[in-house]
Amino acid sequence: LGEDQIVFIKSGAIYLELFRASKAAVAEPSGGTGPEYPGWRHLAFTVNDVDAWLAEMGEGAVVTLGPVNFDAIIEGWRTAWLADPEGNIVEVSQGYSDQEPAPHL
């Protein structure tokens, strides 16, 4: 991956987003069934309208970043990141679509 490159891997309606970490790991890599500490960055969900979704959440929406427009990449792509009650980050996004054709990595 390039320094700012993001890669989406798609299987049906599910995407896995890969990007380079900007900081060192806080713990040594684990084996077995995986880490016993938080090891994922965030979960993401598609919504029809980010602003309407946030409005519906009202004061319960703890926005940590955004909403941000990514129109320079994909017209209509808009995203916000929120913290759940445990501090985990959840992304809500509208307007994302696959690039055609997908670039060669």
C-alpha atoms as a PDB file:
ATOM      1  CA  LEU A   1       0.000   0.000   0.000  1.00  0.00           C
ATOM      2  CA  GLY A   2       1.103   3.527  -0.688  1.00  0.00           C
ATOM      3  CA  GLU A   3       1.323   5.868   2.289  1.00  0.00           C
ATOM      4  CA  ASP A   4      -2.182   7.354   1.791  1.00  0.00           C
ATOM      5  CA  GLN A   5      -3.690   4.522  -0.261  1.00  0.00           C
ATOM      6  CA  ILE A   6      -6.878   2.793   0.882  1.00  0.00           C
ATOM      7  CA  VAL A   7      -7.864  -0.584  -0.559  1.00  0.00           C
ATOM      8  CA  PHE A   8     -11.389  -2.008  -0.349  1.00  0.00           C
ATOM      9  CA  ILE A   9     -11.839  -5.779  -0.666  1.00  0.00           C
ATOM     10  CA  LYS A  10     -15.423  -6.735  -1.470  1.00  0.00           C
ATOM     11  CA  SER A  11     -17.328  -9.969  -0.980  1.00  0.00           C
ATOM     12  CA  GLY A  12     -21.009  -9.574  -1.836  1.00  0.00           C
ATOM     13  CA  ALA A  13     -22.259  -6.572   0.135  1.00  0.00           C
ATOM     14  CA  ILE A  14     -19.395  -6.729   2.694  1.00  0.00           C
ATOM     15  CA  TYR A  15     -16.235  -4.618   2.375  1.00  0.00           C
ATOM     16  CA  LEU A  16     -12.912  -4.894   4.176  1.00  0.00           C
ATOM     17  CA  GLU A  17     -11.040  -1.573   4.170  1.00  0.00           C
ATOM     18  CA  LEU A  18      -7.239  -1.786   4.383  1.00  0.00           C
ATOM     19  CA  PHE A  19      -4.976   1.180   5.085  1.00  0.00           C
ATOM     20  CA  ARG A  20      -1.519   1.744   6.499  1.00  0.00           C
ATOM     21  CA  ALA A  21      -1.368   2.391  10.242  1.00  0.00           C
ATOM     22  CA  SER A  22      -0.109   5.829  11.219  1.00  0.00           C
ATOM     23  CA  LYS A  23       1.208   4.768  14.652  1.00  0.00           C
ATOM     24  CA  ALA A  24       3.058   1.809  16.158  1.00  0.00           C
ATOM     25  CA  ALA A  25       1.109  -1.047  17.737  1.00  0.00           C
ATOM     26  CA  VAL A  26       0.398  -0.659  21.457  1.00  0.00           C
ATOM     27  CA  ALA A  27       1.091  -4.346  22.118  1.00  0.00           C
ATOM     28  CA  GLU A  28       3.093  -7.207  20.668  1.00  0.00           C
ATOM     29  CA  PRO A  29       1.362  -9.239  17.925  1.00  0.00           C
ATOM     30  CA  SER A  30      -0.519 -12.208  19.356  1.00  0.00           C
ATOM     31  CA  GLY A  31      -0.988 -15.735  18.103  1.00  0.00           C
ATOM     32  CA  GLY A  32      -3.631 -18.350  18.716  1.00  0.00           C
ATOM     33  CA  THR A  33      -7.123 -17.047  18.176  1.00  0.00           C
ATOM     34  CA  GLY A  34      -6.025 -13.409  18.086  1.00  0.00           C
ATOM     35  CA  PRO A  35      -5.474 -10.499  20.413  1.00  0.00           C
ATOM     36  CA  GLU A  36      -7.159 -10.199  23.789  1.00  0.00           C
ATOM     37  CA  TYR A  37      -7.020  -6.399  23.476  1.00  0.00           C
ATOM     38  CA  PRO A  38      -8.870  -4.098  21.076  1.00  0.00           C
ATOM     39  CA  GLY A  39      -7.191  -4.606  17.722  1.00  0.00           C
ATOM     40  CA  TRP A  40      -9.507  -3.175  15.110  1.00  0.00           C
ATOM     41  CA  ARG A  41      -9.832   0.452  14.077  1.00  0.00           C
ATOM     42  CA  HIS A  42     -13.578   0.777  13.535  1.00  0.00           C
ATOM     43  CA  LEU A  43     -16.707  -0.791  12.051  1.00  0.00           C
ATOM     44  CA  ALA A  44     -18.465   0.967   9.183  1.00  0.00           C
ATOM     45  CA  PHE A  45     -22.083   0.973   8.076  1.00  0.00           C
ATOM     46  CA  THR A  46     -23.789   2.413   5.016  1.00  0.00           C
ATOM     47  CA  VAL A  47     -26.777   4.703   5.574  1.00  0.00           C
ATOM     48  CA  ASN A  48     -28.941   6.543   3.039  1.00  0.00           C
ATOM     49  CA  ASP A  49     -28.278  10.002   4.507  1.00  0.00           C
ATOM     50  CA  VAL A  50     -25.546  10.661   7.092  1.00  0.00           C
ATOM     51  CA  ASP A  51     -27.036  13.977   8.226  1.00  0.00           C
ATOM     52  CA  ALA A  52     -30.534  12.531   8.686  1.00  0.00           C
ATOM     53  CA  TRP A  53     -29.077   9.549  10.558  1.00  0.00           C
ATOM     54  CA  LEU A  54     -27.141  11.837  12.925  1.00  0.00           C
ATOM     55  CA  ALA A  55     -30.230  14.003  13.449  1.00  0.00           C
ATOM     56  CA  GLU A  56     -32.247  10.903  14.327  1.00  0.00           C
ATOM     57  CA  MET A  57     -29.616   9.916  16.912  1.00  0.00           C
ATOM     58  CA  GLY A  58     -29.823  13.400  18.446  1.00  0.00           C
ATOM     59  CA  GLU A  59     -27.739  13.975  21.556  1.00  0.00           C
ATOM     60  CA  GLY A  60     -26.841  10.268  21.613  1.00  0.00           C
ATOM     61  CA  ALA A  61     -24.521  10.802  18.631  1.00  0.00           C
ATOM     62  CA  VAL A  62     -20.991  11.323  19.955  1.00  0.00           C
ATOM     63  CA  VAL A  63     -19.329  12.480  16.727  1.00  0.00           C
ATOM     64  CA  THR A  64     -15.535  12.152  16.839  1.00  0.00           C
ATOM     65  CA  LEU A  65     -14.932  13.379  13.279  1.00  0.00           C
ATOM     66  CA  GLY A  66     -17.069  14.758  10.502  1.00  0.00           C
ATOM     67  CA  PRO A  67     -19.226  14.602   8.652  1.00  0.00           C
ATOM     68  CA  VAL A  68     -16.560  14.732   5.942  1.00  0.00           C
ATOM     69  CA  ASN A  69     -17.216  14.944   2.199  1.00  0.00           C
ATOM     70  CA  PHE A  70     -15.066  12.809  -0.106  1.00  0.00           C
ATOM     71  CA  ASP A  71     -16.481  14.256  -3.347  1.00  0.00           C
ATOM     72  CA  ALA A  72     -12.953  14.652  -4.744  1.00  0.00           C
ATOM     73  CA  ILE A  73     -12.667  10.842  -4.659  1.00  0.00           C
ATOM     74  CA  ILE A  74     -16.277   9.711  -5.236  1.00  0.00           C
ATOM     75  CA  GLU A  75     -19.107  12.201  -5.859  1.00  0.00           C
ATOM     76  CA  GLY A  76     -21.625  12.016  -2.995  1.00  0.00           C
ATOM     77  CA  TRP A  77     -19.421  10.057  -0.574  1.00  0.00           C
ATOM     78  CA  ARG A  78     -19.971  11.505   2.929  1.00  0.00           C
ATOM     79  CA  THR A  79     -18.850   9.991   6.227  1.00  0.00           C
ATOM     80  CA  ALA A  80     -18.980  10.595   9.975  1.00  0.00           C
ATOM     81  CA  TRP A  81     -17.278   8.737  12.812  1.00  0.00           C
ATOM     82  CA  LEU A  82     -18.901   8.265  16.223  1.00  0.00           C
ATOM     83  CA  ALA A  83     -17.920   6.751  19.562  1.00  0.00           C
ATOM     84  CA  ASP A  84     -20.101   4.034  21.056  1.00  0.00           C
ATOM     85  CA  PRO A  85     -20.652   3.944  24.854  1.00  0.00           C
ATOM     86  CA  GLU A  86     -17.389   1.973  25.305  1.00  0.00           C
ATOM     87  CA  GLY A  87     -15.372   4.392  23.153  1.00  0.00           C
ATOM     88  CA  ASN A  88     -15.216   2.129  20.080  1.00  0.00           C
ATOM     89  CA  ILE A  89     -15.411   4.056  16.820  1.00  0.00           C
ATOM     90  CA  VAL A  90     -18.248   3.414  14.368  1.00  0.00           C
ATOM     91  CA  GLU A  91     -18.292   4.952  10.879  1.00  0.00           C
ATOM     92  CA  VAL A  92     -21.508   5.812   9.032  1.00  0.00           C
ATOM     93  CA  SER A  93     -21.163   6.550   5.351  1.00  0.00           C
ATOM     94  CA  GLN A  94     -23.341   7.418   2.381  1.00  0.00           C
ATOM     95  CA  GLY A  95     -22.678   7.468  -1.339  1.00  0.00           C
ATOM     96  CA  TYR A  96     -19.665   5.156  -1.540  1.00  0.00           C
ATOM     97  CA  SER A  97     -19.445   3.221  -4.784  1.00  0.00           C
ATOM     98  CA  ASP A  98     -16.791   0.961  -6.271  1.00  0.00           C
ATOM     99  CA  GLN A  99     -14.333   2.431  -8.757  1.00  0.00           C
ATOM    100  CA  GLU A 100     -14.719   1.025 -12.260  1.00  0.00           C
ATOM    101  CA  PRO A 101     -12.407  -0.434 -13.298  1.00  0.00           C
ATOM    102  CA  ALA A 102     -10.668  -1.168 -10.030  1.00  0.00           C
ATOM    103  CA  PRO A 103      -7.043   0.051 -10.100  1.00  0.00           C
ATOM    104  CA  HIS A 104      -4.228  -2.498 -10.269  1.00  0.00           C
ATOM    105  CA  LEU A 105      -2.303  -2.724  -6.993  1.00  0.00           C
END
